[in-house]
N, C-alpha and C. Protein backbone atom coordinates (compact mmCIF):
# COMPACT_ATOMS: atom_id res chain seq x y z
N MET A 1 -38.76 -84.02 -25.46
CA MET A 1 -37.41 -83.45 -24.94
C MET A 1 -37.47 -81.70 -25.23
N TYR A 2 -37.98 -81.47 -26.27
CA TYR A 2 -37.90 -80.23 -26.51
C TYR A 2 -38.91 -79.06 -25.69
N THR A 3 -39.75 -79.77 -25.10
CA THR A 3 -40.81 -79.26 -24.45
C THR A 3 -40.67 -78.98 -22.75
N TYR A 4 -39.49 -79.34 -22.78
CA TYR A 4 -39.25 -78.76 -21.32
C TYR A 4 -37.98 -77.95 -21.76
N ILE A 5 -37.45 -77.61 -22.93
CA ILE A 5 -36.49 -76.56 -22.68
C ILE A 5 -36.75 -75.20 -22.41
N PRO A 6 -38.08 -74.78 -22.87
CA PRO A 6 -38.78 -73.39 -22.49
C PRO A 6 -38.76 -73.41 -20.99
N ASP A 7 -39.09 -74.84 -20.42
CA ASP A 7 -39.28 -74.66 -18.75
C ASP A 7 -38.06 -74.42 -18.35
N ILE A 8 -36.92 -74.73 -18.52
CA ILE A 8 -35.85 -74.83 -18.18
C ILE A 8 -34.93 -73.55 -18.17
N LEU A 9 -35.52 -72.98 -19.37
CA LEU A 9 -35.18 -71.38 -19.59
C LEU A 9 -35.93 -70.65 -18.78
N LEU A 10 -36.77 -70.92 -18.64
CA LEU A 10 -37.76 -70.15 -17.58
C LEU A 10 -37.17 -70.45 -16.24
N LEU A 11 -37.26 -71.30 -15.61
CA LEU A 11 -36.66 -71.59 -14.35
C LEU A 11 -35.18 -70.93 -14.38
N LEU A 12 -34.15 -71.03 -15.20
CA LEU A 12 -33.07 -70.66 -15.36
C LEU A 12 -33.11 -69.04 -15.38
N VAL A 13 -33.89 -68.50 -16.08
CA VAL A 13 -34.09 -66.79 -16.11
C VAL A 13 -34.69 -66.25 -14.89
N SER A 14 -35.41 -67.36 -13.94
CA SER A 14 -36.08 -66.96 -12.81
C SER A 14 -34.95 -66.96 -11.87
N ALA A 15 -34.19 -67.88 -11.88
CA ALA A 15 -32.99 -68.08 -10.78
C ALA A 15 -31.99 -66.91 -11.01
N ILE A 16 -31.59 -66.58 -12.25
CA ILE A 16 -30.98 -65.20 -12.54
C ILE A 16 -31.36 -64.36 -11.96
N THR A 17 -32.68 -63.86 -12.02
CA THR A 17 -33.32 -62.64 -11.74
C THR A 17 -33.41 -62.92 -10.07
N CYS A 18 -33.50 -63.95 -9.34
CA CYS A 18 -33.40 -63.69 -7.94
C CYS A 18 -32.49 -63.76 -7.58
N LEU A 19 -31.33 -64.10 -8.24
CA LEU A 19 -29.88 -63.62 -7.88
C LEU A 19 -29.59 -62.06 -8.18
N TYR A 20 -30.21 -61.38 -8.99
CA TYR A 20 -29.72 -60.25 -9.41
C TYR A 20 -30.86 -59.59 -8.40
N CYS A 21 -31.99 -59.84 -8.23
CA CYS A 21 -33.04 -58.89 -6.96
C CYS A 21 -32.16 -59.01 -5.44
N LEU A 22 -31.31 -60.25 -5.63
CA LEU A 22 -30.92 -60.49 -3.98
C LEU A 22 -29.73 -59.61 -4.06
N VAL A 23 -28.76 -59.40 -4.64
CA VAL A 23 -27.60 -58.42 -5.20
C VAL A 23 -28.35 -57.01 -5.24
N LEU A 24 -29.40 -56.55 -5.70
CA LEU A 24 -29.91 -55.37 -5.84
C LEU A 24 -30.13 -54.92 -4.42
N SER A 25 -30.95 -55.91 -3.33
CA SER A 25 -31.56 -55.63 -2.53
C SER A 25 -30.51 -55.49 -1.37
N ARG A 26 -29.06 -55.98 -1.27
CA ARG A 26 -28.00 -55.83 -0.78
C ARG A 26 -27.39 -54.43 -0.80
N ARG A 27 -27.47 -54.02 -2.22
CA ARG A 27 -26.96 -52.66 -2.44
C ARG A 27 -27.88 -51.81 -2.18
N LEU A 28 -29.30 -51.99 -1.99
CA LEU A 28 -30.08 -51.01 -1.33
C LEU A 28 -29.82 -50.64 -0.20
N LYS A 29 -29.78 -51.87 0.76
CA LYS A 29 -29.44 -51.74 2.25
C LYS A 29 -28.26 -50.89 2.60
N LYS A 30 -27.50 -51.07 1.86
CA LYS A 30 -26.08 -50.62 1.64
C LYS A 30 -26.40 -49.01 1.50
N LEU A 31 -27.02 -48.75 0.57
CA LEU A 31 -27.41 -47.24 0.36
C LEU A 31 -28.37 -46.42 1.32
N GLN A 32 -29.10 -47.37 1.76
CA GLN A 32 -29.94 -46.44 2.85
C GLN A 32 -29.54 -46.61 4.25
N SER A 33 -28.44 -47.09 4.21
CA SER A 33 -27.65 -47.33 5.53
C SER A 33 -27.44 -45.92 5.85
N LEU A 34 -27.58 -45.16 7.15
CA LEU A 34 -27.47 -44.15 7.79
C LEU A 34 -25.67 -43.69 7.97
N GLU A 35 -24.92 -44.92 8.40
CA GLU A 35 -23.84 -44.78 8.83
C GLU A 35 -22.79 -44.82 7.27
N ASP A 36 -22.72 -45.69 6.72
CA ASP A 36 -21.99 -45.97 5.19
C ASP A 36 -22.54 -45.27 3.73
N GLY A 37 -23.90 -45.53 3.88
CA GLY A 37 -24.50 -45.33 2.37
C GLY A 37 -24.74 -44.25 2.25
N LEU A 38 -25.96 -44.12 1.21
CA LEU A 38 -26.45 -42.84 0.75
C LEU A 38 -27.19 -42.11 1.96
N GLY A 39 -27.56 -42.55 3.03
CA GLY A 39 -28.57 -42.03 3.66
C GLY A 39 -27.09 -41.25 4.67
N GLY A 40 -26.30 -41.86 4.85
CA GLY A 40 -25.10 -41.06 5.77
C GLY A 40 -24.81 -39.58 5.24
N SER A 41 -24.87 -39.87 3.56
CA SER A 41 -23.93 -38.84 2.93
C SER A 41 -25.29 -37.85 3.10
N ILE A 42 -26.62 -38.41 2.74
CA ILE A 42 -27.68 -37.00 3.18
C ILE A 42 -27.67 -36.55 4.31
N VAL A 43 -27.46 -37.21 5.29
CA VAL A 43 -27.32 -36.78 6.92
C VAL A 43 -26.28 -35.47 6.90
N GLU A 44 -25.11 -35.95 6.38
CA GLU A 44 -23.98 -35.24 6.40
C GLU A 44 -24.34 -33.84 5.87
N LEU A 45 -24.84 -34.09 4.53
CA LEU A 45 -24.86 -32.97 3.46
C LEU A 45 -25.94 -32.21 4.35
N THR A 46 -26.93 -32.46 4.88
CA THR A 46 -28.10 -31.84 5.71
C THR A 46 -27.42 -31.25 6.98
N GLN A 47 -26.33 -31.74 7.49
CA GLN A 47 -25.67 -31.07 8.76
C GLN A 47 -24.91 -29.78 8.24
N ALA A 48 -24.18 -30.13 6.97
CA ALA A 48 -23.43 -28.94 6.07
C ALA A 48 -24.31 -27.97 6.34
N ILE A 49 -25.46 -28.01 5.41
CA ILE A 49 -26.04 -27.43 4.76
C ILE A 49 -26.67 -26.39 6.22
N ALA A 50 -27.30 -27.00 7.12
CA ALA A 50 -27.42 -26.46 8.26
C ALA A 50 -26.55 -25.41 8.92
N LYS A 51 -25.36 -25.96 9.36
CA LYS A 51 -24.19 -25.00 9.65
C LYS A 51 -23.97 -24.13 8.76
N THR A 52 -23.68 -24.54 7.58
CA THR A 52 -23.69 -22.78 6.38
C THR A 52 -24.89 -22.00 6.33
N SER A 53 -26.11 -22.48 7.02
CA SER A 53 -27.13 -21.59 6.97
C SER A 53 -27.07 -20.64 7.85
N GLU A 54 -26.51 -21.42 9.25
CA GLU A 54 -26.20 -20.90 10.65
C GLU A 54 -24.87 -19.53 10.30
N ALA A 55 -24.26 -20.18 9.50
CA ALA A 55 -22.77 -19.54 9.37
C ALA A 55 -23.23 -18.26 8.86
N ALA A 56 -24.07 -18.28 7.42
CA ALA A 56 -24.91 -17.44 6.62
C ALA A 56 -25.61 -16.03 7.59
N ARG A 57 -26.08 -16.67 8.30
CA ARG A 57 -27.28 -16.07 9.54
C ARG A 57 -26.66 -15.00 10.41
N GLN A 58 -25.20 -15.60 10.85
CA GLN A 58 -24.47 -15.25 11.72
C GLN A 58 -23.63 -13.98 11.19
N ALA A 59 -23.37 -14.20 9.68
CA ALA A 59 -22.54 -13.25 9.30
C ALA A 59 -23.30 -12.13 8.66
N ARG A 60 -24.72 -12.40 8.24
CA ARG A 60 -25.62 -11.59 8.35
C ARG A 60 -25.92 -10.50 9.51
N ARG A 61 -25.79 -10.93 10.46
CA ARG A 61 -26.31 -10.17 11.56
C ARG A 61 -24.80 -9.44 12.02
N THR A 62 -23.84 -9.87 11.65
CA THR A 62 -22.67 -9.49 12.02
C THR A 62 -22.60 -8.23 11.08
N THR A 63 -22.65 -8.27 9.72
CA THR A 63 -22.52 -7.48 8.72
C THR A 63 -23.65 -6.11 9.06
N GLN A 64 -24.79 -6.67 9.41
CA GLN A 64 -25.59 -5.58 10.06
C GLN A 64 -25.40 -4.39 11.16
N ASP A 65 -24.65 -5.66 12.19
CA ASP A 65 -24.11 -4.55 12.94
C ASP A 65 -22.92 -3.91 12.70
N ASN A 66 -22.32 -4.24 11.98
CA ASN A 66 -20.87 -3.37 11.41
C ASN A 66 -21.21 -2.06 10.63
N ILE A 67 -22.19 -2.25 9.95
CA ILE A 67 -23.08 -1.38 8.96
C ILE A 67 -23.56 -0.55 10.07
N SER A 68 -24.21 -0.66 11.10
CA SER A 68 -24.82 0.08 12.08
C SER A 68 -23.47 0.99 12.61
N VAL A 69 -22.44 0.28 13.18
CA VAL A 69 -21.33 0.85 13.59
C VAL A 69 -20.44 2.02 12.70
N LEU A 70 -20.47 1.52 11.54
CA LEU A 70 -19.72 2.22 10.54
C LEU A 70 -20.64 3.81 10.12
N GLN A 71 -22.07 3.25 10.04
CA GLN A 71 -22.56 4.77 9.79
C GLN A 71 -22.66 5.28 11.08
N THR A 72 -22.59 5.21 12.50
CA THR A 72 -22.35 6.14 13.49
C THR A 72 -21.21 6.20 13.47
N LEU A 73 -20.01 5.99 13.05
CA LEU A 73 -18.77 6.58 12.90
C LEU A 73 -18.84 7.37 11.65
N LEU A 74 -19.38 7.38 10.61
CA LEU A 74 -19.30 8.06 9.57
C LEU A 74 -20.06 9.16 10.03
N HIS A 75 -21.24 9.15 10.79
CA HIS A 75 -22.17 10.73 11.11
C HIS A 75 -21.34 11.48 11.97
N GLU A 76 -20.51 10.69 13.05
CA GLU A 76 -19.84 11.56 13.69
C GLU A 76 -18.58 12.15 13.21
N ALA A 77 -17.90 11.32 12.23
CA ALA A 77 -16.84 12.46 11.44
C ALA A 77 -17.66 13.51 10.44
N GLN A 78 -18.60 13.47 9.91
CA GLN A 78 -19.43 14.02 9.25
C GLN A 78 -19.55 15.36 10.39
N GLU A 79 -20.12 15.17 11.59
CA GLU A 79 -20.53 16.28 12.38
C GLU A 79 -19.07 17.01 12.71
N ALA A 80 -17.82 16.15 13.10
CA ALA A 80 -16.70 16.86 13.41
C ALA A 80 -15.85 17.44 12.53
N THR A 81 -15.98 17.45 10.96
CA THR A 81 -15.43 18.05 9.80
C THR A 81 -15.46 19.45 9.84
N PRO A 82 -16.44 20.13 10.38
CA PRO A 82 -16.47 21.42 10.37
C PRO A 82 -15.50 22.00 11.11
N GLN A 83 -15.25 21.56 12.76
CA GLN A 83 -14.78 21.95 13.74
C GLN A 83 -13.23 21.40 13.40
N ILE A 84 -12.78 20.45 12.81
CA ILE A 84 -11.62 20.27 12.43
C ILE A 84 -11.20 21.17 11.43
N GLU A 85 -12.08 21.48 10.32
CA GLU A 85 -11.45 22.41 9.50
C GLU A 85 -11.54 23.40 10.28
N ALA A 86 -12.23 24.28 11.07
CA ALA A 86 -12.31 25.35 12.04
C ALA A 86 -10.42 25.53 12.42
N ARG A 87 -10.80 24.37 13.04
CA ARG A 87 -9.40 24.40 13.94
C ARG A 87 -7.85 24.56 13.13
N ILE A 88 -8.47 23.60 12.01
CA ILE A 88 -6.71 23.92 10.99
C ILE A 88 -7.01 25.15 10.62
N GLU A 89 -7.90 25.86 10.17
CA GLU A 89 -7.84 27.40 9.59
C GLU A 89 -7.47 28.00 10.71
N SER A 90 -7.84 27.68 11.95
CA SER A 90 -7.38 28.56 12.98
C SER A 90 -5.58 28.30 13.30
N LEU A 91 -5.16 27.24 13.40
CA LEU A 91 -3.65 26.81 13.21
C LEU A 91 -3.20 27.30 12.18
N ARG A 92 -3.59 27.55 10.66
CA ARG A 92 -2.88 28.35 9.93
C ARG A 92 -2.63 29.76 10.13
N TYR A 93 -3.60 30.44 10.61
CA TYR A 93 -3.63 31.98 11.00
C TYR A 93 -2.63 32.10 12.11
N SER A 94 -2.47 31.11 12.87
CA SER A 94 -1.83 31.12 14.25
C SER A 94 -0.35 31.21 13.77
N ARG A 95 -0.10 29.84 12.60
CA ARG A 95 1.19 29.91 12.42
C ARG A 95 1.82 30.90 11.87
N ILE A 96 1.01 31.79 10.83
CA ILE A 96 1.19 33.20 10.53
C ILE A 96 1.51 34.15 11.11
N ALA A 97 0.34 34.14 12.29
CA ALA A 97 0.62 35.01 13.39
C ALA A 97 2.15 35.03 14.12
N ALA A 98 2.56 33.36 14.43
CA ALA A 98 3.71 33.34 15.05
C ALA A 98 4.91 33.75 14.03
N LYS A 99 5.14 33.46 12.82
CA LYS A 99 5.78 33.73 11.92
C LYS A 99 6.25 35.50 12.30
N THR A 100 4.82 36.10 11.91
CA THR A 100 5.02 37.32 11.97
C THR A 100 5.60 37.88 13.70
N ALA A 101 5.27 37.49 14.76
CA ALA A 101 5.91 37.59 15.78
C ALA A 101 7.32 37.46 15.99
N HIS A 102 7.62 36.32 15.30
CA HIS A 102 9.01 35.80 15.27
C HIS A 102 9.64 36.83 14.37
N ALA A 103 9.18 37.22 13.21
CA ALA A 103 10.22 38.36 12.44
C ALA A 103 10.33 39.48 13.19
N GLU A 104 9.18 39.88 14.18
CA GLU A 104 9.09 41.23 14.94
C GLU A 104 10.17 41.29 15.96
N LEU A 105 10.27 40.14 16.67
CA LEU A 105 11.15 39.60 17.84
C LEU A 105 12.39 39.70 16.91
N ASP A 106 12.52 39.03 15.89
CA ASP A 106 14.07 39.28 15.33
C ASP A 106 14.48 40.62 15.31
N GLU A 107 13.50 41.54 14.64
CA GLU A 107 13.88 43.13 14.23
C GLU A 107 14.08 43.62 15.86
N ILE A 108 13.00 43.60 16.54
CA ILE A 108 13.69 44.11 17.81
C ILE A 108 15.08 43.64 18.70
N MET A 109 15.38 42.61 18.29
CA MET A 109 16.74 41.79 18.91
C MET A 109 17.49 42.35 18.10
N THR A 110 17.38 42.57 16.58
CA THR A 110 18.76 43.11 15.87
C THR A 110 18.69 44.71 16.26
N SER A 111 17.63 45.50 16.27
CA SER A 111 18.23 46.56 16.31
C SER A 111 17.98 46.99 17.79
N GLN A 112 17.52 46.42 18.65
CA GLN A 112 17.50 47.21 20.12
C GLN A 112 18.36 46.31 20.91
N ILE A 113 17.94 45.08 21.02
CA ILE A 113 18.95 44.32 22.26
C ILE A 113 20.19 44.17 21.84
N LYS A 114 20.94 43.67 20.61
CA LYS A 114 22.06 43.67 20.10
C LYS A 114 23.01 44.87 20.59
N PRO A 115 22.44 46.21 20.32
CA PRO A 115 23.58 47.31 20.45
C PRO A 115 23.59 47.26 22.18
N GLU A 116 22.41 47.14 22.83
CA GLU A 116 22.37 47.39 24.11
C GLU A 116 23.13 46.22 25.02
N LEU A 117 23.10 45.07 24.23
CA LEU A 117 24.35 44.24 24.63
C LEU A 117 25.77 44.30 24.61
N LYS A 118 25.95 44.98 23.67
CA LYS A 118 27.15 45.41 23.28
C LYS A 118 27.57 46.75 24.05
N ASN A 119 26.76 47.30 24.49
CA ASN A 119 26.78 48.72 25.66
C ASN A 119 27.00 48.20 26.86
N ALA A 120 26.31 46.92 27.30
CA ALA A 120 26.30 46.49 28.53
C ALA A 120 28.04 45.54 28.65
N ARG A 121 28.21 45.29 27.52
CA ARG A 121 29.70 44.55 27.59
C ARG A 121 30.60 45.87 27.89
N ASN A 122 30.54 46.67 26.95
CA ASN A 122 31.71 47.71 27.29
C ASN A 122 31.48 48.31 28.53
N ALA A 123 30.34 48.49 29.00
CA ALA A 123 30.42 49.03 30.42
C ALA A 123 30.93 47.84 31.46
N SER A 124 30.59 46.64 31.25
CA SER A 124 31.28 45.77 32.41
C SER A 124 32.64 45.78 32.04
N GLU A 125 33.23 45.77 30.65
CA GLU A 125 34.56 45.79 30.88
C GLU A 125 35.54 46.95 31.26
N SER A 126 34.44 48.22 31.08
CA SER A 126 34.95 49.47 31.88
C SER A 126 34.60 49.33 33.41
N LEU A 127 34.01 48.70 34.12
CA LEU A 127 33.67 48.63 35.41
C LEU A 127 34.91 47.46 35.71
N LEU A 128 34.95 46.65 35.07
CA LEU A 128 36.03 45.30 35.38
C LEU A 128 37.38 46.46 35.58
N GLU A 129 37.71 47.17 34.57
CA GLU A 129 38.95 48.09 34.56
C GLU A 129 39.36 49.04 35.64
N ILE A 130 37.95 49.55 35.70
CA ILE A 130 38.12 50.41 37.17
C ILE A 130 38.33 49.53 38.65
N VAL A 131 37.40 48.06 38.88
CA VAL A 131 37.91 47.80 39.71
C VAL A 131 39.13 47.00 39.95
N ARG A 132 39.95 46.88 38.81
CA ARG A 132 41.52 46.20 38.83
C ARG A 132 42.27 47.81 38.93
N GLU A 133 41.82 48.57 38.74
CA GLU A 133 42.85 50.15 39.33
C GLU A 133 42.43 50.31 40.39
N VAL A 134 40.87 50.24 41.12
CA VAL A 134 40.99 50.69 42.63
C VAL A 134 41.87 49.25 43.19
N THR A 135 41.61 48.02 42.93
CA THR A 135 42.36 47.16 43.53
C THR A 135 44.26 47.37 43.73
N ASP A 136 44.37 47.86 42.70
CA ASP A 136 45.88 48.21 42.24
C ASP A 136 46.41 49.35 43.47
N PHE A 137 45.24 50.60 43.25
CA PHE A 137 45.46 51.70 43.97
C PHE A 137 45.45 51.05 45.59
N GLN A 138 44.90 50.13 46.18
CA GLN A 138 44.71 49.68 47.35
C GLN A 138 46.10 48.98 47.53
N ARG A 139 46.37 47.81 46.79
CA ARG A 139 47.74 47.72 47.11
C ARG A 139 49.02 48.70 46.99
N ARG A 140 48.80 49.48 46.19
CA ARG A 140 50.00 50.48 46.36
C ARG A 140 49.98 51.41 47.44
N SER A 141 48.54 51.59 48.05
CA SER A 141 48.32 52.15 49.61
C SER A 141 49.07 51.52 50.41
N LYS A 142 48.65 50.01 50.74
CA LYS A 142 49.33 49.55 51.63
C LYS A 142 50.79 49.50 51.41
N ALA A 143 51.21 49.18 50.38
CA ALA A 143 52.66 49.18 50.25
C ALA A 143 53.34 50.12 50.54
N SER A 144 52.69 51.43 50.25
CA SER A 144 53.48 52.59 50.78
C SER A 144 53.38 52.75 52.39
N LYS A 145 52.10 52.25 52.86
CA LYS A 145 52.62 52.46 54.30
C LYS A 145 53.43 51.67 54.81
N THR A 146 53.66 50.64 54.18
CA THR A 146 54.47 49.20 54.72
C THR A 146 56.04 49.48 54.31
N GLY A 147 56.21 50.48 53.29
CA GLY A 147 57.37 50.92 52.57
C GLY A 147 57.94 49.61 51.68
N ALA A 148 57.10 49.12 50.88
CA ALA A 148 57.39 48.37 50.05
C ALA A 148 57.97 48.89 48.96
N VAL A 149 58.50 48.18 48.12
CA VAL A 149 59.17 48.81 46.62
C VAL A 149 58.09 49.40 45.74
N ASN A 150 58.62 50.09 44.65
CA ASN A 150 57.30 51.02 43.86
C ASN A 150 56.66 49.65 42.84
N LEU A 151 55.35 49.74 43.05
CA LEU A 151 54.80 48.83 42.34
C LEU A 151 54.08 49.48 41.21
N PRO A 152 53.77 48.61 40.07
CA PRO A 152 53.10 49.87 38.58
C PRO A 152 51.61 50.28 39.12
N LYS A 153 51.38 51.42 38.56
CA LYS A 153 50.17 52.12 39.18
C LYS A 153 49.20 51.41 38.45
N THR A 154 49.16 51.29 37.24
CA THR A 154 48.04 50.75 36.52
C THR A 154 48.59 49.70 35.62
N ARG A 155 47.51 49.08 35.04
CA ARG A 155 47.61 47.52 34.32
C ARG A 155 48.49 48.13 33.09
N LYS A 156 48.23 49.34 32.34
CA LYS A 156 49.23 49.53 31.22
C LYS A 156 50.42 49.81 31.69
N ASP A 157 50.88 50.30 32.86
CA ASP A 157 52.35 50.43 33.56
C ASP A 157 52.69 48.92 33.97
N ARG A 158 52.17 47.98 34.06
CA ARG A 158 52.56 46.54 34.46
C ARG A 158 52.91 46.15 33.05
N ALA A 159 52.50 46.29 32.21
CA ALA A 159 52.29 45.68 30.74
C ALA A 159 53.58 46.31 30.28
N ALA A 160 54.01 47.43 30.73
CA ALA A 160 55.46 48.03 30.23
C ALA A 160 56.51 47.77 30.70
């Protein structure tokens, strides 16, 4: 009876090993499946790497294009800098010249135009007074021809 024990144990171990191999086989099939298992994960990872590589290439191309554009713009800006500086300097001189001209015009206005304006005002007031006196004289002349009452002779007489 004891002679069968090693055979039974061997059979039992072989059966357990077969079951274990069956379980491992199923697990390997699941892992190798392209949809659910490790194979699917590998496929997805490969696709993600391809997309990332393409995005990196596109970013590299875009960066190179942007570098080219920036270099062109920088070159144009460097070429335009002396012209801009010359124009700024010209504007400074123009501003100084304008201030000087403004000061000169103020001086001319103060020294020449304002007195002339005052003289013109005085002359216009005098002319206005003469026109009033002539108008008064014409009224008096008409009144004396028609026999009207004494009218004042001048504005000063009317005020009195």
